[in-house]
Amino acid sequence: MQSKSDEFVSFGQADTFIGLVGPIYYRNLGDRTETKLVLERRHVNPVGSAHGGLLMTVMDITLGSTAGA
């Protein structure tokens, strides 16, 4: 799952919660992990912004990836 690369790679967990939310991509840069998700209609709240629960989920996944690096 971890990769020290400039390229974003998929978490590759299509049959898990990450797959339900995502796909979510990441890249590990040694001292930090960057995560990206293509925002879709299903990810937004009633005013059209990214849903707070989605942001917390992405933060949780990123924090876990960084701690495990």
C-alpha atoms as a PDB file:
ATOM      1  CA  MET A   1       0.000   0.000   0.000  1.00  0.00           C
ATOM      2  CA  GLN A   2       2.806   2.485   0.708  1.00  0.00           C
ATOM      3  CA  SER A   3       4.876   3.965  -2.077  1.00  0.00           C
ATOM      4  CA  LYS A   4       7.462   6.756  -2.092  1.00  0.00           C
ATOM      5  CA  SER A   5       6.628   8.224  -5.453  1.00  0.00           C
ATOM      6  CA  ASP A   6       5.604  11.445  -7.113  1.00  0.00           C
ATOM      7  CA  GLU A   7       2.746   9.559  -8.792  1.00  0.00           C
ATOM      8  CA  PHE A   8      -0.628   9.141  -7.135  1.00  0.00           C
ATOM      9  CA  VAL A   9      -1.688   5.507  -6.785  1.00  0.00           C
ATOM     10  CA  SER A  10      -5.024   4.007  -5.853  1.00  0.00           C
ATOM     11  CA  PHE A  11      -5.549   2.483  -2.423  1.00  0.00           C
ATOM     12  CA  GLY A  12      -6.971  -0.397  -4.469  1.00  0.00           C
ATOM     13  CA  GLN A  13      -9.644  -1.405  -1.970  1.00  0.00           C
ATOM     14  CA  ALA A  14     -12.714  -1.448  -4.177  1.00  0.00           C
ATOM     15  CA  ASP A  15     -14.592  -3.872  -1.895  1.00  0.00           C
ATOM     16  CA  THR A  16     -14.073  -1.851   1.320  1.00  0.00           C
ATOM     17  CA  PHE A  17     -15.309   1.444   2.757  1.00  0.00           C
ATOM     18  CA  ILE A  18     -12.511   3.244   0.882  1.00  0.00           C
ATOM     19  CA  GLY A  19     -13.926   1.864  -2.359  1.00  0.00           C
ATOM     20  CA  LEU A  20     -17.420   2.964  -1.405  1.00  0.00           C
ATOM     21  CA  VAL A  21     -16.243   6.538  -0.815  1.00  0.00           C
ATOM     22  CA  GLY A  22     -13.639   6.706  -3.582  1.00  0.00           C
ATOM     23  CA  PRO A  23     -11.699   5.787  -5.441  1.00  0.00           C
ATOM     24  CA  ILE A  24      -9.131   7.578  -3.293  1.00  0.00           C
ATOM     25  CA  TYR A  25      -5.540   8.057  -4.451  1.00  0.00           C
ATOM     26  CA  TYR A  26      -2.417   8.825  -2.459  1.00  0.00           C
ATOM     27  CA  ARG A  27       1.287   9.452  -2.729  1.00  0.00           C
ATOM     28  CA  ASN A  28       3.772   9.158   0.083  1.00  0.00           C
ATOM     29  CA  LEU A  29       6.449  11.842   0.023  1.00  0.00           C
ATOM     30  CA  GLY A  30       8.438  10.624   3.016  1.00  0.00           C
ATOM     31  CA  ASP A  31       7.472  13.239   5.592  1.00  0.00           C
ATOM     32  CA  ARG A  32       3.871  13.539   4.421  1.00  0.00           C
ATOM     33  CA  THR A  33       1.161  11.815   2.445  1.00  0.00           C
ATOM     34  CA  GLU A  34      -0.980  13.596  -0.106  1.00  0.00           C
ATOM     35  CA  THR A  35      -4.423  12.223  -0.854  1.00  0.00           C
ATOM     36  CA  LYS A  36      -6.815  13.056  -3.659  1.00  0.00           C
ATOM     37  CA  LEU A  37     -10.364  12.232  -4.560  1.00  0.00           C
ATOM     38  CA  VAL A  38     -12.316  13.341  -7.601  1.00  0.00           C
ATOM     39  CA  LEU A  39     -15.330  15.125  -6.135  1.00  0.00           C
ATOM     40  CA  GLU A  40     -18.605  13.790  -7.535  1.00  0.00           C
ATOM     41  CA  ARG A  41     -22.225  14.784  -7.003  1.00  0.00           C
ATOM     42  CA  ARG A  42     -22.604  12.032  -4.378  1.00  0.00           C
ATOM     43  CA  HIS A  43     -19.872  13.694  -2.275  1.00  0.00           C
ATOM     44  CA  VAL A  44     -21.488  17.109  -1.838  1.00  0.00           C
ATOM     45  CA  ASN A  45     -23.796  18.594   0.771  1.00  0.00           C
ATOM     46  CA  PRO A  46     -27.020  20.519  -0.030  1.00  0.00           C
ATOM     47  CA  VAL A  47     -25.100  23.737  -0.784  1.00  0.00           C
ATOM     48  CA  GLY A  48     -22.767  22.012  -3.259  1.00  0.00           C
ATOM     49  CA  SER A  49     -19.597  21.858  -1.145  1.00  0.00           C
ATOM     50  CA  ALA A  50     -17.728  18.715  -0.184  1.00  0.00           C
ATOM     51  CA  HIS A  51     -19.633  17.052   2.664  1.00  0.00           C
ATOM     52  CA  GLY A  52     -17.935  17.399   6.056  1.00  0.00           C
ATOM     53  CA  GLY A  53     -18.190  13.664   6.665  1.00  0.00           C
ATOM     54  CA  LEU A  54     -16.324  13.044   3.414  1.00  0.00           C
ATOM     55  CA  LEU A  55     -13.584  15.485   4.435  1.00  0.00           C
ATOM     56  CA  MET A  56     -13.199  13.747   7.806  1.00  0.00           C
ATOM     57  CA  THR A  57     -13.028  10.356   6.085  1.00  0.00           C
ATOM     58  CA  VAL A  58     -10.304  11.512   3.708  1.00  0.00           C
ATOM     59  CA  MET A  59      -8.415  13.084   6.621  1.00  0.00           C
ATOM     60  CA  ASP A  60      -8.656   9.839   8.610  1.00  0.00           C
ATOM     61  CA  ILE A  61      -7.358   7.772   5.687  1.00  0.00           C
ATOM     62  CA  THR A  62      -4.521  10.242   5.054  1.00  0.00           C
ATOM     63  CA  LEU A  63      -3.504  10.338   8.721  1.00  0.00           C
ATOM     64  CA  GLY A  64      -3.467   6.541   8.897  1.00  0.00           C
ATOM     65  CA  SER A  65      -1.356   6.303   5.738  1.00  0.00           C
ATOM     66  CA  THR A  66       1.120   8.857   7.017  1.00  0.00           C
ATOM     67  CA  ALA A  67       1.478   7.151  10.404  1.00  0.00           C
ATOM     68  CA  GLY A  68       2.043   3.806   8.699  1.00  0.00           C
ATOM     69  CA  ALA A  69       4.727   5.145   6.345  1.00  0.00           C
END
